Amino acid sequence: MTKKRRSRDEWSDLLDEIEETGESPAELAARIGVKEATVHWWASQLRHRAPRKGKTRTDPEVRLLPVSVRDVSPPNRIEVRFGELTIGFPADADPVQIGAVFLELRASC
């Protein structure tokens, strides 16, 4: 039996589906007949790339928070606070990567 090769769009839809339903990566892997590592690899690949045309990856629970800018940090560093945790990033850090760090933190809380 040959395995079905899925496109990037198909993987994106599958991962959107498990986010909405709460299905685990292991359950998805068993359901579609792939290794769990494959599911994690695709999740990682899609997390670090721009959304597909016409589709945005937004979380309805994400809300904008007030921002205060103070001239107390060195100009080559960005500090972001998450609860009591403060994380510093280089000033030229990719905003998508910074966002991904906080999505991972939120998911682990």
Protein backbone atom coordinates (compact mmCIF):
# COMPACT_ATOMS: atom_id res chain seq x y z
CA MET A 1 0.00 0.00 0.00
CA THR A 2 1.41 3.40 -0.95
CA LYS A 3 1.14 6.27 1.48
CA LYS A 4 -0.67 9.42 0.45
CA ARG A 5 1.60 12.40 0.04
CA ARG A 6 -0.05 15.52 1.46
CA SER A 7 0.46 19.09 0.29
CA ARG A 8 1.39 22.00 2.51
CA ASP A 9 -2.24 23.18 2.35
CA GLU A 10 -3.52 19.76 3.42
CA TRP A 11 -1.14 19.71 6.39
CA SER A 12 -2.16 23.23 7.34
CA ASP A 13 -5.84 22.19 7.27
CA LEU A 14 -5.12 19.08 9.37
CA LEU A 15 -3.22 21.11 11.96
CA ASP A 16 -5.95 23.76 12.05
CA GLU A 17 -8.42 20.93 12.64
CA ILE A 18 -6.56 19.51 15.64
CA GLU A 19 -6.23 23.00 17.14
CA GLU A 20 -10.00 23.40 16.91
CA THR A 21 -10.93 19.90 18.11
CA GLY A 22 -8.24 19.34 20.73
CA GLU A 23 -7.07 16.15 19.05
CA SER A 24 -3.48 15.35 20.01
CA PRO A 25 -0.65 15.05 17.47
CA ALA A 26 -0.40 11.34 18.37
CA GLU A 27 -4.12 10.84 17.68
CA LEU A 28 -3.87 12.65 14.35
CA ALA A 29 -0.84 10.56 13.38
CA ALA A 30 -2.68 7.34 14.16
CA ARG A 31 -5.80 8.50 12.31
CA ILE A 32 -4.00 9.40 9.08
CA GLY A 33 -1.34 6.67 9.23
CA VAL A 34 1.87 8.65 9.73
CA LYS A 35 4.49 8.83 12.46
CA GLU A 36 3.86 11.33 15.24
CA ALA A 37 7.23 12.92 14.41
CA THR A 38 5.87 13.77 10.95
CA VAL A 39 2.99 15.71 12.51
CA HIS A 40 5.40 17.62 14.76
CA TRP A 41 7.72 18.35 11.80
CA TRP A 42 4.87 19.84 9.77
CA ALA A 43 3.63 21.85 12.75
CA SER A 44 7.12 23.30 13.13
CA GLN A 45 7.45 24.06 9.42
CA LEU A 46 4.09 25.78 9.18
CA ARG A 47 4.54 27.72 12.42
CA HIS A 48 7.65 29.45 11.08
CA ARG A 49 6.30 30.40 7.68
CA ALA A 50 3.84 33.02 6.51
CA PRO A 51 0.18 32.01 6.25
CA ARG A 52 -1.23 30.81 2.96
CA LYS A 53 -2.76 33.38 0.65
CA GLY A 54 -6.30 34.19 1.66
CA LYS A 55 -5.94 32.48 5.03
CA THR A 56 -4.81 33.98 8.28
CA ARG A 57 -3.77 31.97 11.29
CA THR A 58 -5.32 33.86 14.16
CA ASP A 59 -6.35 32.71 17.58
CA PRO A 60 -9.68 34.13 18.74
CA GLU A 61 -8.34 34.27 22.31
CA VAL A 62 -5.37 36.48 21.42
CA ARG A 63 -5.97 40.03 22.52
CA LEU A 64 -3.94 43.16 22.17
CA LEU A 65 -2.40 44.49 25.34
CA PRO A 66 -1.38 48.04 26.21
CA VAL A 67 2.22 48.87 25.44
CA SER A 68 4.35 51.42 27.21
CA VAL A 69 7.61 52.53 25.68
CA ARG A 70 10.34 53.67 28.06
CA ASP A 71 13.83 54.75 27.25
CA VAL A 72 15.38 52.48 29.89
CA SER A 73 16.53 49.53 27.79
CA PRO A 74 19.67 49.64 25.69
CA PRO A 75 18.73 50.55 22.10
CA ASN A 76 19.91 47.17 20.81
CA ARG A 77 17.46 45.12 22.89
CA ILE A 78 13.69 44.52 23.10
CA GLU A 79 12.18 43.31 26.35
CA VAL A 80 8.79 41.64 26.39
CA ARG A 81 6.92 40.71 29.54
CA PHE A 82 4.73 37.65 29.88
CA GLY A 83 3.19 37.72 33.35
CA GLU A 84 6.14 37.96 35.71
CA LEU A 85 8.57 36.69 33.07
CA THR A 86 10.66 39.17 31.09
CA ILE A 87 12.39 37.98 27.93
CA GLY A 88 14.98 40.01 26.05
CA PHE A 89 15.46 39.84 22.30
CA PRO A 90 17.93 41.58 19.98
CA ALA A 91 16.38 44.74 18.52
CA ASP A 92 16.55 43.23 15.03
CA ALA A 93 14.77 40.00 16.07
CA ASP A 94 12.11 38.71 13.70
CA PRO A 95 8.67 39.68 15.10
CA VAL A 96 7.23 36.38 13.85
CA GLN A 97 9.81 34.47 15.89
CA ILE A 98 9.08 36.59 18.98
CA GLY A 99 5.39 35.86 18.54
CA ALA A 100 6.10 32.14 18.16
CA VAL A 101 8.01 32.15 21.47
CA PHE A 102 5.02 33.62 23.27
CA LEU A 103 2.54 31.26 21.59
CA GLU A 104 4.65 28.35 22.81
CA LEU A 105 4.79 29.82 26.31
CA ARG A 106 1.04 30.30 26.35
CA ALA A 107 0.48 26.75 25.15
CA SER A 108 2.63 25.36 27.96
CA CYS A 109 0.82 27.29 30.70
